[in-house]
Amino acid sequence: MADITPLRGEGRTVGRITGLYGELLSEFLGTLVILAFGDGVVGMAVAALPGSGRAASPTTIFMASGDWLLITWGWAMAVAFGVWVAGGVSGAHLNPAITLAFAVRRKFSWRKVVPYWIAQVAGAFVGAAIVLMVYNSAINAFNLASHTPRGSGKALDTFSIFATFPAPYFHGSIPGPLIDQVVGTAFLLIFVVALTDLRNSAVGSGLAPFGIGLAVAAIGMSYGANAGYAINPARDFGPRLLAYIAGWGKTALPGDYSSGTGWSFSGYFWIPIVGPIIGAIVGVVIYDLFIGDVLHARLKKSQDTEGPIPESRTASAVESELSVRYKPDLRAARSRGPEV
């Protein structure tokens, strides 16, 4: 491939974008991609397909599992492409819960945590704004056909394009949806760390984003109906803030809804923020307790080395390094065979 001339040229800005500023640009764009396609697929299922005459009626949505599979696979591809876009620059956290969990257990710099959060929420807000711009006419048509104007407090269907809410069977209680978010995000972190831990049977770097997308699809298919599987504070809060500004009012913030027939919830906005943060830390700790520590111990024993072995180094890489630095000792250790 021919050399590509940087749009910024070769001036002072080049040095600046190699550091934190460049990482924040990456987190912003990667999260924007996730929301532009994740909220976009919900907009397709909820408003665009019914309004375009491709459903049974202008207000027909979520026909059994069909639309749900469309949404879960749409979110899976959204996450995969978001990670592909941003991975080479920032590592593609694209999720405040992942950023915090990595600071807790993966030596990610604490000074970057809040800047990453801001970039992620901003990217989610702009990604959702793109969806609103593209599907505004379809959303208005759906609200008109279902007699649920945005500001009525009843436009839950079109609000669902942007943010999450609990299922009616929770009866507005907190524990059920909160536990759902903790469990879903814990599994997400277990999968993300497993897919990127080269001490484990990690996939190649080019396929890791696809694997993470599959993880999101699996969580959505298995747990999504409870509370919309936000599993990402930025994914929920950024679009929720947009929805509030765009006219959905208290349904968005603070997250109040009453159907008049017994289905209601109130002050829901904090659950998709706090639940994923707790779940992410739980997930990364569980991975280390059950898998990471075992891999570390095995590598230390087989390679006869001291100190931590980074997840970015495979067993063969450690062995190769040691064979150069301690070749005679390593051969002697191998000749003794494994200790029992």
C-alpha atoms as a PDB file:
ATOM      1  CA  MET A   1       0.000   0.000   0.000  1.00  0.00           C
ATOM      2  CA  ALA A   2       1.252   3.458  -0.870  1.00  0.00           C
ATOM      3  CA  ASP A   3       2.142   5.850   1.929  1.00  0.00           C
ATOM      4  CA  ILE A   4      -0.851   7.884   3.131  1.00  0.00           C
ATOM      5  CA  THR A   5      -0.187  11.553   3.812  1.00  0.00           C
ATOM      6  CA  PRO A   6      -1.626  12.473   7.236  1.00  0.00           C
ATOM      7  CA  LEU A   7      -4.478  14.969   7.065  1.00  0.00           C
ATOM      8  CA  ARG A   8      -2.804  16.895   9.858  1.00  0.00           C
ATOM      9  CA  GLY A   9       0.495  17.017   8.023  1.00  0.00           C
ATOM     10  CA  GLU A  10       3.704  16.501   9.970  1.00  0.00           C
ATOM     11  CA  GLY A  11       3.427  19.451  12.369  1.00  0.00           C
ATOM     12  CA  ARG A  12       3.164  19.642  16.131  1.00  0.00           C
ATOM     13  CA  THR A  13      -0.194  17.874  16.238  1.00  0.00           C
ATOM     14  CA  VAL A  14       1.417  14.586  15.252  1.00  0.00           C
ATOM     15  CA  GLY A  15       3.206  14.290  18.569  1.00  0.00           C
ATOM     16  CA  ARG A  16       0.042  15.159  20.480  1.00  0.00           C
ATOM     17  CA  ILE A  17      -2.154  12.507  18.875  1.00  0.00           C
ATOM     18  CA  THR A  18       0.278   9.703  19.670  1.00  0.00           C
ATOM     19  CA  GLY A  19      -0.657   9.967  23.352  1.00  0.00           C
ATOM     20  CA  LEU A  20      -3.856  10.173  25.364  1.00  0.00           C
ATOM     21  CA  TYR A  21      -5.539  12.577  22.963  1.00  0.00           C
ATOM     22  CA  GLY A  22      -5.263  10.059  20.140  1.00  0.00           C
ATOM     23  CA  GLU A  23      -6.643   7.315  22.375  1.00  0.00           C
ATOM     24  CA  LEU A  24      -9.632   9.482  23.249  1.00  0.00           C
ATOM     25  CA  LEU A  25     -10.314  10.114  19.562  1.00  0.00           C
ATOM     26  CA  SER A  26     -10.259   6.346  19.070  1.00  0.00           C
ATOM     27  CA  GLU A  27     -12.611   5.660  22.001  1.00  0.00           C
ATOM     28  CA  PHE A  28     -14.983   8.362  20.766  1.00  0.00           C
ATOM     29  CA  LEU A  29     -15.184   7.015  17.213  1.00  0.00           C
ATOM     30  CA  GLY A  30     -15.347   3.348  18.226  1.00  0.00           C
ATOM     31  CA  THR A  31     -18.220   3.989  20.644  1.00  0.00           C
ATOM     32  CA  LEU A  32     -19.942   6.147  18.023  1.00  0.00           C
ATOM     33  CA  VAL A  33     -19.811   3.206  15.595  1.00  0.00           C
ATOM     34  CA  ILE A  34     -21.318   0.857  18.185  1.00  0.00           C
ATOM     35  CA  LEU A  35     -24.259   3.155  18.867  1.00  0.00           C
ATOM     36  CA  ALA A  36     -24.791   4.200  15.257  1.00  0.00           C
ATOM     37  CA  PHE A  37     -25.306   0.564  14.309  1.00  0.00           C
ATOM     38  CA  GLY A  38     -26.618  -0.804  17.624  1.00  0.00           C
ATOM     39  CA  ASP A  39     -29.308   1.831  18.071  1.00  0.00           C
ATOM     40  CA  GLY A  40     -29.671   1.776  14.304  1.00  0.00           C
ATOM     41  CA  VAL A  41     -30.770  -1.862  14.238  1.00  0.00           C
ATOM     42  CA  VAL A  42     -33.330  -1.168  16.992  1.00  0.00           C
ATOM     43  CA  GLY A  43     -34.579   1.814  14.996  1.00  0.00           C
ATOM     44  CA  MET A  44     -34.936  -0.516  12.016  1.00  0.00           C
ATOM     45  CA  ALA A  45     -36.964  -3.074  13.996  1.00  0.00           C
ATOM     46  CA  VAL A  46     -39.115  -0.616  15.941  1.00  0.00           C
ATOM     47  CA  ALA A  47     -39.859   2.228  13.546  1.00  0.00           C
ATOM     48  CA  ALA A  48     -38.411   1.799  10.067  1.00  0.00           C
ATOM     49  CA  LEU A  49     -39.685  -1.665   9.119  1.00  0.00           C
ATOM     50  CA  PRO A  50     -43.268  -1.080  10.369  1.00  0.00           C
ATOM     51  CA  GLY A  51     -43.452   2.396   8.861  1.00  0.00           C
ATOM     52  CA  SER A  52     -42.040   1.279   5.516  1.00  0.00           C
ATOM     53  CA  GLY A  53     -44.889  -1.181   4.943  1.00  0.00           C
ATOM     54  CA  ARG A  54     -42.681  -4.226   5.545  1.00  0.00           C
ATOM     55  CA  ALA A  55     -44.561  -5.314   8.685  1.00  0.00           C
ATOM     56  CA  ALA A  56     -48.139  -6.376   9.341  1.00  0.00           C
ATOM     57  CA  SER A  57     -49.096  -2.855  10.423  1.00  0.00           C
ATOM     58  CA  PRO A  58     -47.438   0.532  11.077  1.00  0.00           C
ATOM     59  CA  THR A  59     -47.159  -0.360  14.762  1.00  0.00           C
ATOM     60  CA  THR A  60     -46.217  -4.066  14.554  1.00  0.00           C
ATOM     61  CA  ILE A  61     -42.897  -4.695  16.298  1.00  0.00           C
ATOM     62  CA  PHE A  62     -41.093  -7.541  18.039  1.00  0.00           C
ATOM     63  CA  MET A  63     -42.854 -10.453  16.395  1.00  0.00           C
ATOM     64  CA  ALA A  64     -41.649 -13.291  18.649  1.00  0.00           C
ATOM     65  CA  SER A  65     -37.966 -14.144  18.220  1.00  0.00           C
ATOM     66  CA  GLY A  66     -37.472 -12.770  14.708  1.00  0.00           C
ATOM     67  CA  ASP A  67     -37.000  -9.116  15.563  1.00  0.00           C
ATOM     68  CA  TRP A  68     -35.048 -10.012  18.692  1.00  0.00           C
ATOM     69  CA  LEU A  69     -32.545 -12.040  16.657  1.00  0.00           C
ATOM     70  CA  LEU A  70     -32.258  -9.118  14.244  1.00  0.00           C
ATOM     71  CA  ILE A  71     -31.409  -6.854  17.166  1.00  0.00           C
ATOM     72  CA  THR A  72     -28.957  -9.209  18.891  1.00  0.00           C
ATOM     73  CA  TRP A  73     -27.035  -9.880  15.682  1.00  0.00           C
ATOM     74  CA  GLY A  74     -27.130  -6.187  14.797  1.00  0.00           C
ATOM     75  CA  TRP A  75     -25.592  -5.295  18.152  1.00  0.00           C
ATOM     76  CA  ALA A  76     -23.018  -8.059  17.738  1.00  0.00           C
ATOM     77  CA  MET A  77     -21.846  -6.613  14.421  1.00  0.00           C
ATOM     78  CA  ALA A  78     -21.961  -3.081  15.833  1.00  0.00           C
ATOM     79  CA  VAL A  79     -19.616  -4.063  18.656  1.00  0.00           C
ATOM     80  CA  ALA A  80     -17.318  -6.063  16.376  1.00  0.00           C
ATOM     81  CA  PHE A  81     -16.890  -3.181  13.935  1.00  0.00           C
ATOM     82  CA  GLY A  82     -16.472  -0.666  16.762  1.00  0.00           C
ATOM     83  CA  VAL A  83     -13.632  -2.760  18.178  1.00  0.00           C
ATOM     84  CA  TRP A  84     -12.078  -3.221  14.741  1.00  0.00           C
ATOM     85  CA  VAL A  85     -12.156   0.545  14.179  1.00  0.00           C
ATOM     86  CA  ALA A  86     -10.610   1.545  17.516  1.00  0.00           C
ATOM     87  CA  GLY A  87      -8.584  -1.470  18.614  1.00  0.00           C
ATOM     88  CA  GLY A  88      -5.261  -0.501  17.124  1.00  0.00           C
ATOM     89  CA  VAL A  89      -5.097   2.859  18.900  1.00  0.00           C
ATOM     90  CA  SER A  90      -6.770   2.622  22.314  1.00  0.00           C
ATOM     91  CA  GLY A  91      -7.394  -1.095  22.746  1.00  0.00           C
ATOM     92  CA  ALA A  92     -11.089  -0.415  22.108  1.00  0.00           C
ATOM     93  CA  HIS A  93     -12.574  -0.421  25.590  1.00  0.00           C
ATOM     94  CA  LEU A  94     -15.651   1.462  24.287  1.00  0.00           C
ATOM     95  CA  ASN A  95     -17.317   0.800  27.625  1.00  0.00           C
ATOM     96  CA  PRO A  96     -16.698   2.615  30.944  1.00  0.00           C
ATOM     97  CA  ALA A  97     -17.193  -0.635  32.844  1.00  0.00           C
ATOM     98  CA  ILE A  98     -14.393  -2.306  30.870  1.00  0.00           C
ATOM     99  CA  THR A  99     -12.124   0.701  31.395  1.00  0.00           C
ATOM    100  CA  LEU A 100     -12.676   0.578  35.157  1.00  0.00           C
ATOM    101  CA  ALA A 101     -12.233  -3.202  35.347  1.00  0.00           C
ATOM    102  CA  PHE A 102      -8.972  -2.971  33.418  1.00  0.00           C
ATOM    103  CA  ALA A 103      -7.744  -0.265  35.779  1.00  0.00           C
ATOM    104  CA  VAL A 104      -8.598  -2.533  38.719  1.00  0.00           C
ATOM    105  CA  ARG A 105      -7.013  -5.730  37.362  1.00  0.00           C
ATOM    106  CA  ARG A 106      -5.142  -5.072  34.099  1.00  0.00           C
ATOM    107  CA  LYS A 107      -2.778  -2.228  35.050  1.00  0.00           C
ATOM    108  CA  PHE A 108      -4.635   0.294  32.905  1.00  0.00           C
ATOM    109  CA  SER A 109      -3.614   3.787  33.974  1.00  0.00           C
ATOM    110  CA  TRP A 110      -6.017   5.296  36.512  1.00  0.00           C
ATOM    111  CA  ARG A 111      -5.347   8.790  35.156  1.00  0.00           C
ATOM    112  CA  LYS A 112      -6.938   7.736  31.851  1.00  0.00           C
ATOM    113  CA  VAL A 113     -10.150   6.334  33.326  1.00  0.00           C
ATOM    114  CA  VAL A 114     -12.240   9.518  33.514  1.00  0.00           C
ATOM    115  CA  PRO A 115     -11.042  10.880  30.116  1.00  0.00           C
ATOM    116  CA  TYR A 116     -11.930   7.524  28.544  1.00  0.00           C
ATOM    117  CA  TRP A 117     -15.377   7.653  30.172  1.00  0.00           C
ATOM    118  CA  ILE A 118     -16.012  11.133  28.788  1.00  0.00           C
ATOM    119  CA  ALA A 119     -14.931  10.127  25.279  1.00  0.00           C
ATOM    120  CA  GLN A 120     -17.095   6.993  25.401  1.00  0.00           C
ATOM    121  CA  VAL A 121     -20.237   8.800  26.571  1.00  0.00           C
ATOM    122  CA  ALA A 122     -19.685  11.548  23.990  1.00  0.00           C
ATOM    123  CA  GLY A 123     -19.251   8.954  21.232  1.00  0.00           C
ATOM    124  CA  ALA A 124     -22.417   7.157  22.332  1.00  0.00           C
ATOM    125  CA  PHE A 125     -24.353  10.444  22.345  1.00  0.00           C
ATOM    126  CA  VAL A 126     -23.225  11.346  18.809  1.00  0.00           C
ATOM    127  CA  GLY A 127     -23.827   7.801  17.519  1.00  0.00           C
ATOM    128  CA  ALA A 128     -27.381   7.937  18.852  1.00  0.00           C
ATOM    129  CA  ALA A 129     -27.817  11.406  17.346  1.00  0.00           C
ATOM    130  CA  ILE A 130     -26.942   9.969  13.936  1.00  0.00           C
ATOM    131  CA  VAL A 131     -29.676   7.345  14.380  1.00  0.00           C
ATOM    132  CA  LEU A 132     -32.191  10.010  15.378  1.00  0.00           C
ATOM    133  CA  MET A 133     -31.257  12.107  12.352  1.00  0.00           C
ATOM    134  CA  VAL A 134     -31.632   9.159   9.973  1.00  0.00           C
ATOM    135  CA  TYR A 135     -34.806   7.690  11.494  1.00  0.00           C
ATOM    136  CA  ASN A 136     -36.551  10.843  12.725  1.00  0.00           C
ATOM    137  CA  SER A 137     -39.357  10.589  10.144  1.00  0.00           C
ATOM    138  CA  ALA A 138     -39.921   6.901  10.881  1.00  0.00           C
ATOM    139  CA  ILE A 139     -39.998   7.588  14.627  1.00  0.00           C
ATOM    140  CA  ASN A 140     -42.520  10.402  14.196  1.00  0.00           C
ATOM    141  CA  ALA A 141     -44.699   8.210  11.972  1.00  0.00           C
ATOM    142  CA  PHE A 142     -44.673   5.387  14.531  1.00  0.00           C
ATOM    143  CA  ASN A 143     -45.521   7.733  17.408  1.00  0.00           C
ATOM    144  CA  LEU A 144     -48.360   9.230  15.367  1.00  0.00           C
ATOM    145  CA  ALA A 145     -49.797   5.828  14.422  1.00  0.00           C
ATOM    146  CA  SER A 146     -49.619   4.556  18.003  1.00  0.00           C
ATOM    147  CA  HIS A 147     -50.887   7.859  19.504  1.00  0.00           C
ATOM    148  CA  THR A 148     -47.818   8.194  21.721  1.00  0.00           C
ATOM    149  CA  PRO A 149     -46.158  11.602  21.226  1.00  0.00           C
ATOM    150  CA  ARG A 150     -42.596  11.832  22.495  1.00  0.00           C
ATOM    151  CA  GLY A 151     -43.410  14.085  25.412  1.00  0.00           C
ATOM    152  CA  SER A 152     -46.471  12.132  26.540  1.00  0.00           C
ATOM    153  CA  GLY A 153     -44.537   9.807  28.807  1.00  0.00           C
ATOM    154  CA  LYS A 154     -46.058   6.895  26.837  1.00  0.00           C
ATOM    155  CA  ALA A 155     -43.647   6.686  23.887  1.00  0.00           C
ATOM    156  CA  LEU A 156     -41.745   3.747  25.342  1.00  0.00           C
ATOM    157  CA  ASP A 157     -41.516   1.866  22.028  1.00  0.00           C
ATOM    158  CA  THR A 158     -39.582   4.584  20.247  1.00  0.00           C
ATOM    159  CA  PHE A 159     -37.601   5.417  23.395  1.00  0.00           C
ATOM    160  CA  SER A 160     -36.394   1.795  23.325  1.00  0.00           C
ATOM    161  CA  ILE A 161     -34.424   2.667  20.174  1.00  0.00           C
ATOM    162  CA  PHE A 162     -32.033   4.645  22.346  1.00  0.00           C
ATOM    163  CA  ALA A 163     -31.905   3.281  25.896  1.00  0.00           C
ATOM    164  CA  THR A 164     -33.036   0.412  28.069  1.00  0.00           C
ATOM    165  CA  PHE A 165     -35.774  -0.283  30.615  1.00  0.00           C
ATOM    166  CA  PRO A 166     -36.924  -3.241  32.751  1.00  0.00           C
ATOM    167  CA  ALA A 167     -39.484  -5.842  31.749  1.00  0.00           C
ATOM    168  CA  PRO A 168     -43.002  -5.611  33.263  1.00  0.00           C
ATOM    169  CA  TYR A 169     -42.552  -8.763  35.356  1.00  0.00           C
ATOM    170  CA  PHE A 170     -40.108  -6.908  37.630  1.00  0.00           C
ATOM    171  CA  HIS A 171     -43.019  -4.644  38.698  1.00  0.00           C
ATOM    172  CA  GLY A 172     -40.710  -1.638  38.931  1.00  0.00           C
ATOM    173  CA  SER A 173     -38.417  -3.229  41.524  1.00  0.00           C
ATOM    174  CA  ILE A 174     -34.668  -2.591  41.620  1.00  0.00           C
ATOM    175  CA  PRO A 175     -33.006  -5.938  42.518  1.00  0.00           C
ATOM    176  CA  GLY A 176     -34.054  -7.896  39.419  1.00  0.00           C
ATOM    177  CA  PRO A 177     -32.784  -5.479  36.749  1.00  0.00           C
ATOM    178  CA  LEU A 178     -29.678  -4.638  38.807  1.00  0.00           C
ATOM    179  CA  ILE A 179     -28.757  -8.315  39.177  1.00  0.00           C
ATOM    180  CA  ASP A 180     -29.403  -8.777  35.456  1.00  0.00           C
ATOM    181  CA  GLN A 181     -26.902  -6.025  34.598  1.00  0.00           C
ATOM    182  CA  VAL A 182     -24.308  -7.334  37.037  1.00  0.00           C
ATOM    183  CA  VAL A 183     -24.551 -10.874  35.638  1.00  0.00           C
ATOM    184  CA  GLY A 184     -24.581  -9.836  31.971  1.00  0.00           C
ATOM    185  CA  THR A 185     -21.581  -7.533  32.332  1.00  0.00           C
ATOM    186  CA  ALA A 186     -19.671 -10.066  34.415  1.00  0.00           C
ATOM    187  CA  PHE A 187     -19.999 -12.562  31.569  1.00  0.00           C
ATOM    188  CA  LEU A 188     -18.984  -9.881  29.076  1.00  0.00           C
ATOM    189  CA  LEU A 189     -15.734  -9.233  30.964  1.00  0.00           C
ATOM    190  CA  ILE A 190     -15.004 -12.944  31.330  1.00  0.00           C
ATOM    191  CA  PHE A 191     -15.371 -13.339  27.572  1.00  0.00           C
ATOM    192  CA  VAL A 192     -13.411 -10.189  26.674  1.00  0.00           C
ATOM    193  CA  VAL A 193     -10.466 -11.121  28.895  1.00  0.00           C
ATOM    194  CA  ALA A 194     -10.485 -14.744  27.713  1.00  0.00           C
ATOM    195  CA  LEU A 195     -10.512 -13.654  24.064  1.00  0.00           C
ATOM    196  CA  THR A 196      -7.572 -11.290  24.548  1.00  0.00           C
ATOM    197  CA  ASP A 197      -5.457 -13.305  27.024  1.00  0.00           C
ATOM    198  CA  LEU A 198      -2.673 -14.848  24.945  1.00  0.00           C
ATOM    199  CA  ARG A 199      -1.761 -17.149  27.831  1.00  0.00           C
ATOM    200  CA  ASN A 200      -5.130 -18.791  27.160  1.00  0.00           C
ATOM    201  CA  SER A 201      -6.466 -20.127  23.850  1.00  0.00           C
ATOM    202  CA  ALA A 202      -7.065 -16.578  22.641  1.00  0.00           C
ATOM    203  CA  VAL A 203      -8.119 -15.985  19.057  1.00  0.00           C
ATOM    204  CA  GLY A 204      -5.831 -14.082  16.703  1.00  0.00           C
ATOM    205  CA  SER A 205      -5.863 -10.315  17.113  1.00  0.00           C
ATOM    206  CA  GLY A 206      -7.795  -9.883  13.877  1.00  0.00           C
ATOM    207  CA  LEU A 207     -10.623 -12.134  15.078  1.00  0.00           C
ATOM    208  CA  ALA A 208     -10.885 -10.852  18.643  1.00  0.00           C
ATOM    209  CA  PRO A 209     -13.431  -8.141  17.688  1.00  0.00           C
ATOM    210  CA  PHE A 210     -15.636 -10.771  16.040  1.00  0.00           C
ATOM    211  CA  GLY A 211     -15.398 -12.935  19.149  1.00  0.00           C
ATOM    212  CA  ILE A 212     -16.375 -10.005  21.354  1.00  0.00           C
ATOM    213  CA  GLY A 213     -19.324  -9.323  19.050  1.00  0.00           C
ATOM    214  CA  LEU A 214     -20.400 -12.950  19.458  1.00  0.00           C
ATOM    215  CA  ALA A 215     -20.135 -12.523  23.235  1.00  0.00           C
ATOM    216  CA  VAL A 216     -22.553  -9.586  23.071  1.00  0.00           C
ATOM    217  CA  ALA A 217     -24.923 -11.619  20.874  1.00  0.00           C
ATOM    218  CA  ALA A 218     -24.817 -14.522  23.342  1.00  0.00           C
ATOM    219  CA  ILE A 219     -25.634 -12.245  26.274  1.00  0.00           C
ATOM    220  CA  GLY A 220     -28.468 -10.615  24.330  1.00  0.00           C
ATOM    221  CA  MET A 221     -29.974 -13.938  23.302  1.00  0.00           C
ATOM    222  CA  SER A 222     -29.740 -15.448  26.772  1.00  0.00           C
ATOM    223  CA  TYR A 223     -30.428 -12.489  29.065  1.00  0.00           C
ATOM    224  CA  GLY A 224     -31.505  -9.546  26.934  1.00  0.00           C
ATOM    225  CA  ALA A 225     -35.269  -9.484  27.534  1.00  0.00           C
ATOM    226  CA  ASN A 226     -34.942  -8.742  31.259  1.00  0.00           C
ATOM    227  CA  ALA A 227     -33.615  -5.208  30.910  1.00  0.00           C
ATOM    228  CA  GLY A 228     -32.354  -4.711  27.372  1.00  0.00           C
ATOM    229  CA  TYR A 229     -28.766  -5.881  28.105  1.00  0.00           C
ATOM    230  CA  ALA A 230     -27.143  -2.465  28.286  1.00  0.00           C
ATOM    231  CA  ILE A 231     -23.965  -3.989  29.865  1.00  0.00           C
ATOM    232  CA  ASN A 232     -22.266  -0.668  29.079  1.00  0.00           C
ATOM    233  CA  PRO A 233     -22.919   2.606  30.958  1.00  0.00           C
ATOM    234  CA  ALA A 234     -21.970   4.777  27.951  1.00  0.00           C
ATOM    235  CA  ARG A 235     -24.166   2.759  25.597  1.00  0.00           C
ATOM    236  CA  ASP A 236     -27.169   3.548  27.796  1.00  0.00           C
ATOM    237  CA  PHE A 237     -26.477   6.985  29.273  1.00  0.00           C
ATOM    238  CA  GLY A 238     -25.258   8.762  26.116  1.00  0.00           C
ATOM    239  CA  PRO A 239     -28.362   7.889  24.062  1.00  0.00           C
ATOM    240  CA  ARG A 240     -30.581   8.375  27.127  1.00  0.00           C
ATOM    241  CA  LEU A 241     -29.300  11.933  27.432  1.00  0.00           C
ATOM    242  CA  LEU A 242     -29.981  12.479  23.730  1.00  0.00           C
ATOM    243  CA  ALA A 243     -33.514  11.101  24.105  1.00  0.00           C
ATOM    244  CA  TYR A 244     -34.142  13.472  26.992  1.00  0.00           C
ATOM    245  CA  ILE A 245     -33.004  16.450  24.929  1.00  0.00           C
ATOM    246  CA  ALA A 246     -34.958  15.221  21.890  1.00  0.00           C
ATOM    247  CA  GLY A 247     -38.293  15.202  23.704  1.00  0.00           C
ATOM    248  CA  TRP A 248     -38.810  11.870  25.484  1.00  0.00           C
ATOM    249  CA  GLY A 249     -38.579  13.736  28.773  1.00  0.00           C
ATOM    250  CA  LYS A 250     -38.936  11.846  32.032  1.00  0.00           C
ATOM    251  CA  THR A 251     -39.094   8.496  30.254  1.00  0.00           C
ATOM    252  CA  ALA A 252     -35.402   9.075  29.507  1.00  0.00           C
ATOM    253  CA  LEU A 253     -34.356  10.982  32.631  1.00  0.00           C
ATOM    254  CA  PRO A 254     -34.786  10.093  35.392  1.00  0.00           C
ATOM    255  CA  GLY A 255     -36.323   7.008  33.753  1.00  0.00           C
ATOM    256  CA  ASP A 256     -39.987   7.105  34.801  1.00  0.00           C
ATOM    257  CA  TYR A 257     -42.815   5.278  33.066  1.00  0.00           C
ATOM    258  CA  SER A 258     -46.368   4.233  33.873  1.00  0.00           C
ATOM    259  CA  SER A 259     -48.588   2.424  31.397  1.00  0.00           C
ATOM    260  CA  GLY A 260     -51.738   2.960  33.445  1.00  0.00           C
ATOM    261  CA  THR A 261     -52.303  -0.801  33.424  1.00  0.00           C
ATOM    262  CA  GLY A 262     -49.879  -1.787  36.166  1.00  0.00           C
ATOM    263  CA  TRP A 263     -46.544  -1.612  34.343  1.00  0.00           C
ATOM    264  CA  SER A 264     -44.355   1.115  35.769  1.00  0.00           C
ATOM    265  CA  PHE A 265     -40.812   1.950  36.836  1.00  0.00           C
ATOM    266  CA  SER A 266     -39.173   5.070  38.190  1.00  0.00           C
ATOM    267  CA  GLY A 267     -35.687   6.546  38.497  1.00  0.00           C
ATOM    268  CA  TYR A 268     -34.299   3.729  36.359  1.00  0.00           C
ATOM    269  CA  PHE A 269     -31.422   5.601  34.704  1.00  0.00           C
ATOM    270  CA  TRP A 270     -28.765   4.646  37.284  1.00  0.00           C
ATOM    271  CA  ILE A 271     -29.229   0.875  37.043  1.00  0.00           C
ATOM    272  CA  PRO A 272     -27.560   0.483  33.584  1.00  0.00           C
ATOM    273  CA  ILE A 273     -24.661   2.536  34.973  1.00  0.00           C
ATOM    274  CA  VAL A 274     -24.061   0.991  38.391  1.00  0.00           C
ATOM    275  CA  GLY A 275     -24.948  -2.607  37.441  1.00  0.00           C
ATOM    276  CA  PRO A 276     -22.365  -2.876  34.635  1.00  0.00           C
ATOM    277  CA  ILE A 277     -19.648  -1.231  36.745  1.00  0.00           C
ATOM    278  CA  ILE A 278     -20.164  -3.786  39.527  1.00  0.00           C
ATOM    279  CA  GLY A 279     -20.494  -6.648  37.045  1.00  0.00           C
ATOM    280  CA  ALA A 280     -17.311  -5.737  35.173  1.00  0.00           C
ATOM    281  CA  ILE A 281     -15.189  -5.849  38.323  1.00  0.00           C
ATOM    282  CA  VAL A 282     -16.853  -9.103  39.402  1.00  0.00           C
ATOM    283  CA  GLY A 283     -16.238 -10.633  35.958  1.00  0.00           C
ATOM    284  CA  VAL A 284     -12.554  -9.756  35.716  1.00  0.00           C
ATOM    285  CA  VAL A 285     -11.913 -10.998  39.265  1.00  0.00           C
ATOM    286  CA  ILE A 286     -13.748 -14.274  38.557  1.00  0.00           C
ATOM    287  CA  TYR A 287     -11.677 -14.800  35.406  1.00  0.00           C
ATOM    288  CA  ASP A 288      -8.440 -14.305  37.328  1.00  0.00           C
ATOM    289  CA  LEU A 289      -9.502 -16.545  40.223  1.00  0.00           C
ATOM    290  CA  PHE A 290     -10.617 -19.439  38.040  1.00  0.00           C
ATOM    291  CA  ILE A 291      -8.476 -19.096  34.900  1.00  0.00           C
ATOM    292  CA  GLY A 292      -5.867 -16.324  34.985  1.00  0.00           C
ATOM    293  CA  ASP A 293      -4.121 -17.475  38.154  1.00  0.00           C
ATOM    294  CA  VAL A 294      -4.040 -21.068  36.888  1.00  0.00           C
ATOM    295  CA  LEU A 295      -2.459 -20.007  33.585  1.00  0.00           C
ATOM    296  CA  HIS A 296       0.048 -17.852  35.426  1.00  0.00           C
ATOM    297  CA  ALA A 297       1.017 -20.671  37.803  1.00  0.00           C
ATOM    298  CA  ARG A 298       1.411 -23.196  34.985  1.00  0.00           C
ATOM    299  CA  LEU A 299       3.601 -20.886  32.933  1.00  0.00           C
ATOM    300  CA  LYS A 300       5.773 -20.035  35.905  1.00  0.00           C
ATOM    301  CA  LYS A 301       6.215 -23.711  36.726  1.00  0.00           C
ATOM    302  CA  SER A 302       6.886 -24.855  33.169  1.00  0.00           C
ATOM    303  CA  GLN A 303       9.195 -21.965  32.317  1.00  0.00           C
ATOM    304  CA  ASP A 304      10.918 -21.746  35.710  1.00  0.00           C
ATOM    305  CA  THR A 305      10.749 -17.945  35.794  1.00  0.00           C
ATOM    306  CA  GLU A 306       9.980 -15.332  38.412  1.00  0.00           C
ATOM    307  CA  GLY A 307       7.527 -12.435  38.436  1.00  0.00           C
ATOM    308  CA  PRO A 308       4.256 -11.906  36.558  1.00  0.00           C
ATOM    309  CA  ILE A 309       3.843 -13.109  32.986  1.00  0.00           C
ATOM    310  CA  PRO A 310       1.852 -10.584  30.916  1.00  0.00           C
ATOM    311  CA  GLU A 311      -1.291 -11.673  29.103  1.00  0.00           C
ATOM    312  CA  SER A 312       0.242 -10.280  25.924  1.00  0.00           C
ATOM    313  CA  ARG A 313       2.935 -12.967  25.917  1.00  0.00           C
ATOM    314  CA  THR A 314       2.280 -16.552  24.948  1.00  0.00           C
ATOM    315  CA  ALA A 315       3.928 -19.529  26.541  1.00  0.00           C
ATOM    316  CA  SER A 316       6.111 -19.982  23.476  1.00  0.00           C
ATOM    317  CA  ALA A 317       7.226 -16.345  23.669  1.00  0.00           C
ATOM    318  CA  VAL A 318       8.206 -16.743  27.315  1.00  0.00           C
ATOM    319  CA  GLU A 319      10.044 -19.956  26.506  1.00  0.00           C
ATOM    320  CA  SER A 320      11.882 -18.335  23.599  1.00  0.00           C
ATOM    321  CA  GLU A 321      12.978 -15.428  25.770  1.00  0.00           C
ATOM    322  CA  LEU A 322      14.160 -17.684  28.555  1.00  0.00           C
ATOM    323  CA  SER A 323      16.010 -19.976  26.165  1.00  0.00           C
ATOM    324  CA  VAL A 324      18.127 -17.010  25.130  1.00  0.00           C
ATOM    325  CA  ARG A 325      18.717 -15.591  28.613  1.00  0.00           C
ATOM    326  CA  TYR A 326      19.024 -18.843  30.574  1.00  0.00           C
ATOM    327  CA  LYS A 327      19.675 -21.486  27.946  1.00  0.00           C
ATOM    328  CA  PRO A 328      21.841 -23.891  29.984  1.00  0.00           C
ATOM    329  CA  ASP A 329      19.621 -23.670  33.072  1.00  0.00           C
ATOM    330  CA  LEU A 330      16.463 -24.158  31.017  1.00  0.00           C
ATOM    331  CA  ARG A 331      17.841 -27.267  29.332  1.00  0.00           C
ATOM    332  CA  ALA A 332      18.838 -28.669  32.715  1.00  0.00           C
ATOM    333  CA  ALA A 333      15.387 -27.981  34.122  1.00  0.00           C
ATOM    334  CA  ARG A 334      13.744 -29.734  31.170  1.00  0.00           C
ATOM    335  CA  SER A 335      16.001 -32.768  31.524  1.00  0.00           C
ATOM    336  CA  ARG A 336      14.757 -33.219  35.081  1.00  0.00           C
ATOM    337  CA  GLY A 337      11.177 -33.507  33.839  1.00  0.00           C
ATOM    338  CA  PRO A 338       8.059 -32.172  35.548  1.00  0.00           C
ATOM    339  CA  GLU A 339       7.963 -32.089  39.318  1.00  0.00           C
ATOM    340  CA  VAL A 340       5.157 -33.984  40.984  1.00  0.00           C
END
